[in-house]
Amino acid sequence: MHHSFVKALFDPGLPVPAEVADRPGRQARFAVYRNNVRASLTEALAATFPVCRQLVGEDFFRALAGVYIGEQPPASPLLTDYGRTLPAFIERFPPAAPVPYLADMARLELAWLDAQHAADPIPLDKAALAALLTDEQRLAGQCLRLQPPVRLLRSGYGIVSLWRAHQGQLPIASVDPRRPENALLLRPGLSVRVISPSDADTDFIDALLRRLPLGDALEQTLHRHPDFEPGPILSLLLEHQAIAAFYPAGASS
């Protein structure tokens, strides 16, 4: 009974379970409950993915949400956890094909939410870092631990410009969604910053997130981008308080 009840609750195409339908009044109450559950989940998705909703329009988004809810009901009682699999769902949802950047925008919105709710930044020992920066040989063997809110995404579409346009930071007419952009999310204070780093900067940050020593991270990045200069991106990370700590390679982080 529990299995049939849950399936019918999330799929309006299924009949009301017999154990419910055979009692007067219960069928109507089940229909109301089912409608309320689906409405709550749809609103939760709309709150998590506001830009996606704007990109496709209210009617399309609610139709997409309805199919998603029927296929993938929540696994957690926390509504804020719902929708983690929506990007992958969008990629295989044929009606969304005319908006090929929609799945990556959903990933960006999830990353924004994670950055917003990540643990507070850890104070960095700036004096120790300043001393380290004067010793290039020792610096090359150091690993950087980035702050908890830092998130990095790669996309074949202009998701950062699209996101910024929907925040009123760019005129939408200036955005080319077919232009690939990467996304770096930082939270130096209470607000999340979304930046579009170059491919070289993205490769370098990715190496840092994988806890490679600075020397190895630089070597790997230079192999793919011979003209790469690490100074500007390291300065940006420092400016946005994105570095939490540094430690010798092989030591516990």
C-alpha atoms as a PDB file:
ATOM      1  CA  MET A   1       0.000   0.000   0.000  1.00  0.00           C
ATOM      2  CA  HIS A   2       2.827   2.417   0.862  1.00  0.00           C
ATOM      3  CA  HIS A   3       4.494   1.838  -2.516  1.00  0.00           C
ATOM      4  CA  SER A   4       1.289   2.372  -4.520  1.00  0.00           C
ATOM      5  CA  PHE A   5       0.390   5.416  -2.404  1.00  0.00           C
ATOM      6  CA  VAL A   6       3.746   7.104  -3.060  1.00  0.00           C
ATOM      7  CA  LYS A   7       3.692   6.304  -6.793  1.00  0.00           C
ATOM      8  CA  ALA A   8       0.182   7.724  -7.166  1.00  0.00           C
ATOM      9  CA  LEU A   9       1.092  10.756  -5.069  1.00  0.00           C
ATOM     10  CA  PHE A  10       3.760  11.876  -7.537  1.00  0.00           C
ATOM     11  CA  ASP A  11       2.149  10.658 -10.761  1.00  0.00           C
ATOM     12  CA  PRO A  12      -1.273  12.204 -11.430  1.00  0.00           C
ATOM     13  CA  GLY A  13      -1.728   9.770 -14.306  1.00  0.00           C
ATOM     14  CA  LEU A  14      -2.089   6.892 -11.870  1.00  0.00           C
ATOM     15  CA  PRO A  15      -5.411   6.093 -10.195  1.00  0.00           C
ATOM     16  CA  VAL A  16      -5.967   6.728  -6.527  1.00  0.00           C
ATOM     17  CA  PRO A  17      -4.819   3.611  -4.605  1.00  0.00           C
ATOM     18  CA  ALA A  18      -7.637   1.175  -3.953  1.00  0.00           C
ATOM     19  CA  GLU A  19      -6.982   1.272  -0.201  1.00  0.00           C
ATOM     20  CA  VAL A  20      -7.822   4.987  -0.322  1.00  0.00           C
ATOM     21  CA  ALA A  21     -10.482   5.055  -3.026  1.00  0.00           C
ATOM     22  CA  ASP A  22     -12.799   2.534  -1.374  1.00  0.00           C
ATOM     23  CA  ARG A  23     -13.609   4.872   1.532  1.00  0.00           C
ATOM     24  CA  PRO A  24     -16.035   7.814   1.165  1.00  0.00           C
ATOM     25  CA  GLY A  25     -14.343  11.209   0.944  1.00  0.00           C
ATOM     26  CA  ARG A  26     -10.809   9.868   0.937  1.00  0.00           C
ATOM     27  CA  GLN A  27     -10.423   9.980  -2.845  1.00  0.00           C
ATOM     28  CA  ALA A  28     -11.140  13.726  -2.909  1.00  0.00           C
ATOM     29  CA  ARG A  29      -8.820  14.354   0.045  1.00  0.00           C
ATOM     30  CA  PHE A  30      -6.060  12.367  -1.654  1.00  0.00           C
ATOM     31  CA  ALA A  31      -6.463  14.440  -4.823  1.00  0.00           C
ATOM     32  CA  VAL A  32      -6.144  17.654  -2.798  1.00  0.00           C
ATOM     33  CA  TYR A  33      -3.090  16.313  -0.960  1.00  0.00           C
ATOM     34  CA  ARG A  34      -1.460  15.200  -4.221  1.00  0.00           C
ATOM     35  CA  ASN A  35      -2.046  18.612  -5.772  1.00  0.00           C
ATOM     36  CA  ASN A  36      -0.555  20.372  -2.732  1.00  0.00           C
ATOM     37  CA  VAL A  37       2.541  18.149  -2.733  1.00  0.00           C
ATOM     38  CA  ARG A  38       3.203  18.706  -6.426  1.00  0.00           C
ATOM     39  CA  ALA A  39       2.582  22.445  -6.079  1.00  0.00           C
ATOM     40  CA  SER A  40       5.067  22.650  -3.193  1.00  0.00           C
ATOM     41  CA  LEU A  41       7.726  20.776  -5.141  1.00  0.00           C
ATOM     42  CA  THR A  42       7.151  22.929  -8.216  1.00  0.00           C
ATOM     43  CA  GLU A  43       7.559  26.097  -6.140  1.00  0.00           C
ATOM     44  CA  ALA A  44      10.728  24.678  -4.580  1.00  0.00           C
ATOM     45  CA  LEU A  45      12.186  24.085  -8.052  1.00  0.00           C
ATOM     46  CA  ALA A  46      11.132  27.563  -9.180  1.00  0.00           C
ATOM     47  CA  ALA A  47      12.902  29.081  -6.161  1.00  0.00           C
ATOM     48  CA  THR A  48      16.103  27.128  -6.829  1.00  0.00           C
ATOM     49  CA  PHE A  49      16.165  27.735 -10.598  1.00  0.00           C
ATOM     50  CA  PRO A  50      14.771  31.254 -11.160  1.00  0.00           C
ATOM     51  CA  VAL A  51      16.904  31.995 -14.224  1.00  0.00           C
ATOM     52  CA  CYS A  52      15.988  28.681 -15.844  1.00  0.00           C
ATOM     53  CA  ARG A  53      12.346  29.546 -15.273  1.00  0.00           C
ATOM     54  CA  GLN A  54      12.829  32.963 -16.902  1.00  0.00           C
ATOM     55  CA  LEU A  55      14.656  31.443 -19.867  1.00  0.00           C
ATOM     56  CA  VAL A  56      11.850  29.052 -20.804  1.00  0.00           C
ATOM     57  CA  GLY A  57       8.823  30.851 -19.411  1.00  0.00           C
ATOM     58  CA  GLU A  58       6.420  29.972 -16.609  1.00  0.00           C
ATOM     59  CA  ASP A  59       4.245  27.484 -18.515  1.00  0.00           C
ATOM     60  CA  PHE A  60       7.156  25.498 -19.931  1.00  0.00           C
ATOM     61  CA  PHE A  61       8.974  25.431 -16.587  1.00  0.00           C
ATOM     62  CA  ARG A  62       5.917  24.131 -14.752  1.00  0.00           C
ATOM     63  CA  ALA A  63       5.377  21.452 -17.394  1.00  0.00           C
ATOM     64  CA  LEU A  64       9.033  20.422 -17.130  1.00  0.00           C
ATOM     65  CA  ALA A  65       8.771  20.389 -13.333  1.00  0.00           C
ATOM     66  CA  GLY A  66       5.658  18.236 -13.513  1.00  0.00           C
ATOM     67  CA  VAL A  67       7.412  15.548 -15.557  1.00  0.00           C
ATOM     68  CA  TYR A  68      10.497  15.742 -13.335  1.00  0.00           C
ATOM     69  CA  ILE A  69       8.451  15.362 -10.143  1.00  0.00           C
ATOM     70  CA  GLY A  70       6.692  12.323 -11.582  1.00  0.00           C
ATOM     71  CA  GLU A  71       9.993  10.673 -12.534  1.00  0.00           C
ATOM     72  CA  GLN A  72      12.157  11.733  -9.616  1.00  0.00           C
ATOM     73  CA  PRO A  73      10.279  12.323  -6.367  1.00  0.00           C
ATOM     74  CA  PRO A  74      12.266  13.796  -3.454  1.00  0.00           C
ATOM     75  CA  ALA A  75      14.623  11.541  -1.505  1.00  0.00           C
ATOM     76  CA  SER A  76      14.954  14.021   1.362  1.00  0.00           C
ATOM     77  CA  PRO A  77      12.334  15.788   3.494  1.00  0.00           C
ATOM     78  CA  LEU A  78      14.228  19.070   2.944  1.00  0.00           C
ATOM     79  CA  LEU A  79      12.788  20.972   0.002  1.00  0.00           C
ATOM     80  CA  THR A  80      16.094  22.843  -0.379  1.00  0.00           C
ATOM     81  CA  ASP A  81      17.717  19.528  -1.351  1.00  0.00           C
ATOM     82  CA  TYR A  82      15.266  18.867  -4.158  1.00  0.00           C
ATOM     83  CA  GLY A  83      16.362  19.352  -7.755  1.00  0.00           C
ATOM     84  CA  ARG A  84      19.966  18.114  -7.587  1.00  0.00           C
ATOM     85  CA  THR A  85      19.364  15.858 -10.568  1.00  0.00           C
ATOM     86  CA  LEU A  86      17.453  18.423 -12.620  1.00  0.00           C
ATOM     87  CA  PRO A  87      20.429  19.357 -14.890  1.00  0.00           C
ATOM     88  CA  ALA A  88      20.870  15.735 -15.990  1.00  0.00           C
ATOM     89  CA  PHE A  89      17.095  15.421 -16.427  1.00  0.00           C
ATOM     90  CA  ILE A  90      17.018  18.518 -18.658  1.00  0.00           C
ATOM     91  CA  GLU A  91      19.735  17.055 -20.887  1.00  0.00           C
ATOM     92  CA  ARG A  92      17.515  14.104 -21.755  1.00  0.00           C
ATOM     93  CA  PHE A  93      14.226  16.024 -21.851  1.00  0.00           C
ATOM     94  CA  PRO A  94      13.497  16.427 -25.591  1.00  0.00           C
ATOM     95  CA  PRO A  95      11.290  19.542 -25.340  1.00  0.00           C
ATOM     96  CA  ALA A  96      14.242  21.419 -23.779  1.00  0.00           C
ATOM     97  CA  ALA A  97      16.507  20.746 -26.784  1.00  0.00           C
ATOM     98  CA  PRO A  98      15.842  24.188 -28.357  1.00  0.00           C
ATOM     99  CA  VAL A  99      17.436  25.740 -25.223  1.00  0.00           C
ATOM    100  CA  PRO A 100      20.733  23.793 -25.192  1.00  0.00           C
ATOM    101  CA  TYR A 101      22.271  25.902 -22.411  1.00  0.00           C
ATOM    102  CA  LEU A 102      19.408  25.233 -19.976  1.00  0.00           C
ATOM    103  CA  ALA A 103      21.092  22.265 -18.245  1.00  0.00           C
ATOM    104  CA  ASP A 104      24.305  24.216 -17.651  1.00  0.00           C
ATOM    105  CA  MET A 105      22.319  27.167 -16.325  1.00  0.00           C
ATOM    106  CA  ALA A 106      20.674  24.779 -13.867  1.00  0.00           C
ATOM    107  CA  ARG A 107      24.157  23.632 -12.803  1.00  0.00           C
ATOM    108  CA  LEU A 108      25.208  27.248 -12.312  1.00  0.00           C
ATOM    109  CA  GLU A 109      22.153  27.963 -10.184  1.00  0.00           C
ATOM    110  CA  LEU A 110      22.858  24.903  -8.017  1.00  0.00           C
ATOM    111  CA  ALA A 111      26.483  26.028  -7.657  1.00  0.00           C
ATOM    112  CA  TRP A 112      25.282  29.503  -6.651  1.00  0.00           C
ATOM    113  CA  LEU A 113      23.023  27.980  -3.998  1.00  0.00           C
ATOM    114  CA  ASP A 114      25.865  25.799  -2.685  1.00  0.00           C
ATOM    115  CA  ALA A 115      28.242  28.773  -2.558  1.00  0.00           C
ATOM    116  CA  GLN A 116      25.646  30.897  -0.773  1.00  0.00           C
ATOM    117  CA  HIS A 117      25.076  28.258   1.916  1.00  0.00           C
ATOM    118  CA  ALA A 118      28.643  26.966   2.252  1.00  0.00           C
ATOM    119  CA  ALA A 119      30.556  27.320   5.490  1.00  0.00           C
ATOM    120  CA  ASP A 120      31.902  30.776   6.259  1.00  0.00           C
ATOM    121  CA  PRO A 121      35.347  31.601   4.855  1.00  0.00           C
ATOM    122  CA  ILE A 122      38.332  30.657   7.010  1.00  0.00           C
ATOM    123  CA  PRO A 123      40.671  33.554   7.975  1.00  0.00           C
ATOM    124  CA  LEU A 124      43.959  33.409   6.069  1.00  0.00           C
ATOM    125  CA  ASP A 125      47.320  34.055   7.735  1.00  0.00           C
ATOM    126  CA  LYS A 126      48.259  36.935   5.442  1.00  0.00           C
ATOM    127  CA  ALA A 127      51.593  37.631   7.150  1.00  0.00           C
ATOM    128  CA  ALA A 128      52.723  34.039   6.640  1.00  0.00           C
ATOM    129  CA  LEU A 129      51.555  34.162   3.043  1.00  0.00           C
ATOM    130  CA  ALA A 130      53.449  37.398   2.416  1.00  0.00           C
ATOM    131  CA  ALA A 131      56.623  35.751   3.718  1.00  0.00           C
ATOM    132  CA  LEU A 132      56.022  32.711   1.565  1.00  0.00           C
ATOM    133  CA  LEU A 133      55.612  34.814  -1.586  1.00  0.00           C
ATOM    134  CA  THR A 134      59.233  35.971  -1.256  1.00  0.00           C
ATOM    135  CA  ASP A 135      60.519  32.382  -1.462  1.00  0.00           C
ATOM    136  CA  GLU A 136      59.726  31.096  -4.965  1.00  0.00           C
ATOM    137  CA  GLN A 137      61.335  27.686  -4.428  1.00  0.00           C
ATOM    138  CA  ARG A 138      59.311  26.989  -1.303  1.00  0.00           C
ATOM    139  CA  LEU A 139      56.191  28.496  -2.871  1.00  0.00           C
ATOM    140  CA  ALA A 140      56.247  25.978  -5.743  1.00  0.00           C
ATOM    141  CA  GLY A 141      55.885  23.108  -3.274  1.00  0.00           C
ATOM    142  CA  GLN A 142      52.867  24.572  -1.484  1.00  0.00           C
ATOM    143  CA  CYS A 143      49.252  23.505  -1.951  1.00  0.00           C
ATOM    144  CA  LEU A 144      46.471  26.045  -1.627  1.00  0.00           C
ATOM    145  CA  ARG A 145      43.210  25.195   0.091  1.00  0.00           C
ATOM    146  CA  LEU A 146      40.424  27.326  -1.339  1.00  0.00           C
ATOM    147  CA  GLN A 147      37.517  28.580   0.729  1.00  0.00           C
ATOM    148  CA  PRO A 148      34.377  26.403   1.147  1.00  0.00           C
ATOM    149  CA  PRO A 149      32.157  28.600  -1.060  1.00  0.00           C
ATOM    150  CA  VAL A 150      34.443  28.374  -4.118  1.00  0.00           C
ATOM    151  CA  ARG A 151      32.787  26.601  -7.048  1.00  0.00           C
ATOM    152  CA  LEU A 152      34.048  26.095 -10.616  1.00  0.00           C
ATOM    153  CA  LEU A 153      32.057  25.154 -13.723  1.00  0.00           C
ATOM    154  CA  ARG A 154      32.911  24.723 -17.392  1.00  0.00           C
ATOM    155  CA  SER A 155      30.333  25.278 -20.098  1.00  0.00           C
ATOM    156  CA  GLY A 156      30.114  25.336 -23.850  1.00  0.00           C
ATOM    157  CA  TYR A 157      27.591  28.188 -23.558  1.00  0.00           C
ATOM    158  CA  GLY A 158      27.525  31.749 -22.284  1.00  0.00           C
ATOM    159  CA  ILE A 159      25.979  30.873 -18.937  1.00  0.00           C
ATOM    160  CA  VAL A 160      27.724  33.593 -16.914  1.00  0.00           C
ATOM    161  CA  SER A 161      26.644  36.381 -19.259  1.00  0.00           C
ATOM    162  CA  LEU A 162      23.111  34.956 -19.366  1.00  0.00           C
ATOM    163  CA  TRP A 163      23.021  34.729 -15.586  1.00  0.00           C
ATOM    164  CA  ARG A 164      24.313  38.292 -15.212  1.00  0.00           C
ATOM    165  CA  ALA A 165      21.768  39.562 -17.737  1.00  0.00           C
ATOM    166  CA  HIS A 166      18.976  38.043 -15.686  1.00  0.00           C
ATOM    167  CA  GLN A 167      20.350  39.818 -12.596  1.00  0.00           C
ATOM    168  CA  GLY A 168      20.148  43.137 -14.434  1.00  0.00           C
ATOM    169  CA  GLN A 169      23.950  43.392 -14.701  1.00  0.00           C
ATOM    170  CA  LEU A 170      24.115  43.173 -18.506  1.00  0.00           C
ATOM    171  CA  PRO A 171      21.759  44.051 -21.367  1.00  0.00           C
ATOM    172  CA  ILE A 172      20.385  40.774 -22.667  1.00  0.00           C
ATOM    173  CA  ALA A 173      20.906  41.968 -26.259  1.00  0.00           C
ATOM    174  CA  SER A 174      24.673  41.923 -25.690  1.00  0.00           C
ATOM    175  CA  VAL A 175      24.753  38.235 -24.705  1.00  0.00           C
ATOM    176  CA  ASP A 176      25.763  35.516 -27.144  1.00  0.00           C
ATOM    177  CA  PRO A 177      24.639  32.238 -25.504  1.00  0.00           C
ATOM    178  CA  ARG A 178      26.697  30.222 -28.015  1.00  0.00           C
ATOM    179  CA  ARG A 179      29.962  31.697 -26.740  1.00  0.00           C
ATOM    180  CA  PRO A 180      31.553  29.231 -24.266  1.00  0.00           C
ATOM    181  CA  GLU A 181      32.137  30.547 -20.749  1.00  0.00           C
ATOM    182  CA  ASN A 182      33.469  29.115 -17.531  1.00  0.00           C
ATOM    183  CA  ALA A 183      32.063  30.104 -14.146  1.00  0.00           C
ATOM    184  CA  LEU A 184      33.965  30.801 -10.943  1.00  0.00           C
ATOM    185  CA  LEU A 185      31.811  31.414  -7.887  1.00  0.00           C
ATOM    186  CA  LEU A 186      33.290  33.207  -4.878  1.00  0.00           C
ATOM    187  CA  ARG A 187      31.793  34.530  -1.669  1.00  0.00           C
ATOM    188  CA  PRO A 188      34.103  37.115  -0.111  1.00  0.00           C
ATOM    189  CA  GLY A 189      31.357  38.350   2.228  1.00  0.00           C
ATOM    190  CA  LEU A 190      27.643  37.711   2.337  1.00  0.00           C
ATOM    191  CA  SER A 191      27.083  37.817  -1.422  1.00  0.00           C
ATOM    192  CA  VAL A 192      28.163  35.342  -4.098  1.00  0.00           C
ATOM    193  CA  ARG A 193      30.235  36.711  -6.971  1.00  0.00           C
ATOM    194  CA  VAL A 194      30.006  34.966 -10.369  1.00  0.00           C
ATOM    195  CA  ILE A 195      33.061  35.528 -12.575  1.00  0.00           C
ATOM    196  CA  SER A 196      33.955  34.131 -16.005  1.00  0.00           C
ATOM    197  CA  PRO A 197      37.632  33.068 -15.953  1.00  0.00           C
ATOM    198  CA  SER A 198      39.612  32.193 -19.063  1.00  0.00           C
ATOM    199  CA  ASP A 199      40.243  28.564 -19.990  1.00  0.00           C
ATOM    200  CA  ALA A 200      43.807  28.878 -18.680  1.00  0.00           C
ATOM    201  CA  ASP A 201      42.669  30.367 -15.360  1.00  0.00           C
ATOM    202  CA  THR A 202      40.007  27.655 -15.119  1.00  0.00           C
ATOM    203  CA  ASP A 203      42.570  24.886 -15.630  1.00  0.00           C
ATOM    204  CA  PHE A 204      44.816  26.453 -12.995  1.00  0.00           C
ATOM    205  CA  ILE A 205      42.002  26.809 -10.436  1.00  0.00           C
ATOM    206  CA  ASP A 206      40.883  23.256 -11.161  1.00  0.00           C
ATOM    207  CA  ALA A 207      44.415  22.054 -10.368  1.00  0.00           C
ATOM    208  CA  LEU A 208      44.351  24.000  -7.100  1.00  0.00           C
ATOM    209  CA  LEU A 209      40.983  22.475  -6.188  1.00  0.00           C
ATOM    210  CA  ARG A 210      42.551  19.055  -6.779  1.00  0.00           C
ATOM    211  CA  ARG A 211      45.186  20.067  -4.204  1.00  0.00           C
ATOM    212  CA  LEU A 212      48.126  19.997  -6.602  1.00  0.00           C
ATOM    213  CA  PRO A 213      51.222  21.947  -5.463  1.00  0.00           C
ATOM    214  CA  LEU A 214      51.477  25.361  -7.060  1.00  0.00           C
ATOM    215  CA  GLY A 215      54.474  24.305  -9.134  1.00  0.00           C
ATOM    216  CA  ASP A 216      52.646  21.283 -10.553  1.00  0.00           C
ATOM    217  CA  ALA A 217      49.475  23.291 -11.127  1.00  0.00           C
ATOM    218  CA  LEU A 218      51.477  25.878 -13.040  1.00  0.00           C
ATOM    219  CA  GLU A 219      53.313  23.234 -15.070  1.00  0.00           C
ATOM    220  CA  GLN A 220      50.092  21.492 -16.075  1.00  0.00           C
ATOM    221  CA  THR A 221      48.459  24.777 -17.046  1.00  0.00           C
ATOM    222  CA  LEU A 222      51.469  25.948 -19.067  1.00  0.00           C
ATOM    223  CA  HIS A 223      51.447  22.652 -20.952  1.00  0.00           C
ATOM    224  CA  ARG A 224      48.005  23.550 -22.322  1.00  0.00           C
ATOM    225  CA  HIS A 225      48.367  27.342 -22.287  1.00  0.00           C
ATOM    226  CA  PRO A 226      52.018  28.361 -22.910  1.00  0.00           C
ATOM    227  CA  ASP A 227      51.290  32.065 -22.369  1.00  0.00           C
ATOM    228  CA  PHE A 228      49.601  31.609 -18.998  1.00  0.00           C
ATOM    229  CA  GLU A 229      50.595  33.991 -16.213  1.00  0.00           C
ATOM    230  CA  PRO A 230      49.423  32.913 -12.718  1.00  0.00           C
ATOM    231  CA  GLY A 231      49.794  36.339 -11.102  1.00  0.00           C
ATOM    232  CA  PRO A 232      46.429  37.878 -12.127  1.00  0.00           C
ATOM    233  CA  ILE A 233      44.286  34.905 -11.098  1.00  0.00           C
ATOM    234  CA  LEU A 234      46.146  34.477  -7.800  1.00  0.00           C
ATOM    235  CA  SER A 235      45.633  38.195  -7.140  1.00  0.00           C
ATOM    236  CA  LEU A 236      41.919  37.808  -7.893  1.00  0.00           C
ATOM    237  CA  LEU A 237      41.648  34.871  -5.492  1.00  0.00           C
ATOM    238  CA  LEU A 238      43.373  36.889  -2.773  1.00  0.00           C
ATOM    239  CA  GLU A 239      41.246  39.966  -3.465  1.00  0.00           C
ATOM    240  CA  HIS A 240      38.065  37.918  -3.094  1.00  0.00           C
ATOM    241  CA  GLN A 241      39.354  36.115   0.033  1.00  0.00           C
ATOM    242  CA  ALA A 242      39.124  32.789  -1.794  1.00  0.00           C
ATOM    243  CA  ILE A 243      42.298  31.254  -0.303  1.00  0.00           C
ATOM    244  CA  ALA A 244      41.798  29.600   3.066  1.00  0.00           C
ATOM    245  CA  ALA A 245      45.253  28.162   3.759  1.00  0.00           C
ATOM    246  CA  PHE A 246      48.480  26.874   2.259  1.00  0.00           C
ATOM    247  CA  TYR A 247      50.559  23.898   3.277  1.00  0.00           C
ATOM    248  CA  PRO A 248      53.512  21.864   1.980  1.00  0.00           C
ATOM    249  CA  ALA A 249      52.702  19.119  -0.523  1.00  0.00           C
ATOM    250  CA  GLY A 250      52.312  15.815   1.287  1.00  0.00           C
ATOM    251  CA  ALA A 251      51.265  17.443   4.566  1.00  0.00           C
ATOM    252  CA  SER A 252      47.773  17.145   5.975  1.00  0.00           C
ATOM    253  CA  SER A 253      45.477  19.936   4.789  1.00  0.00           C
END
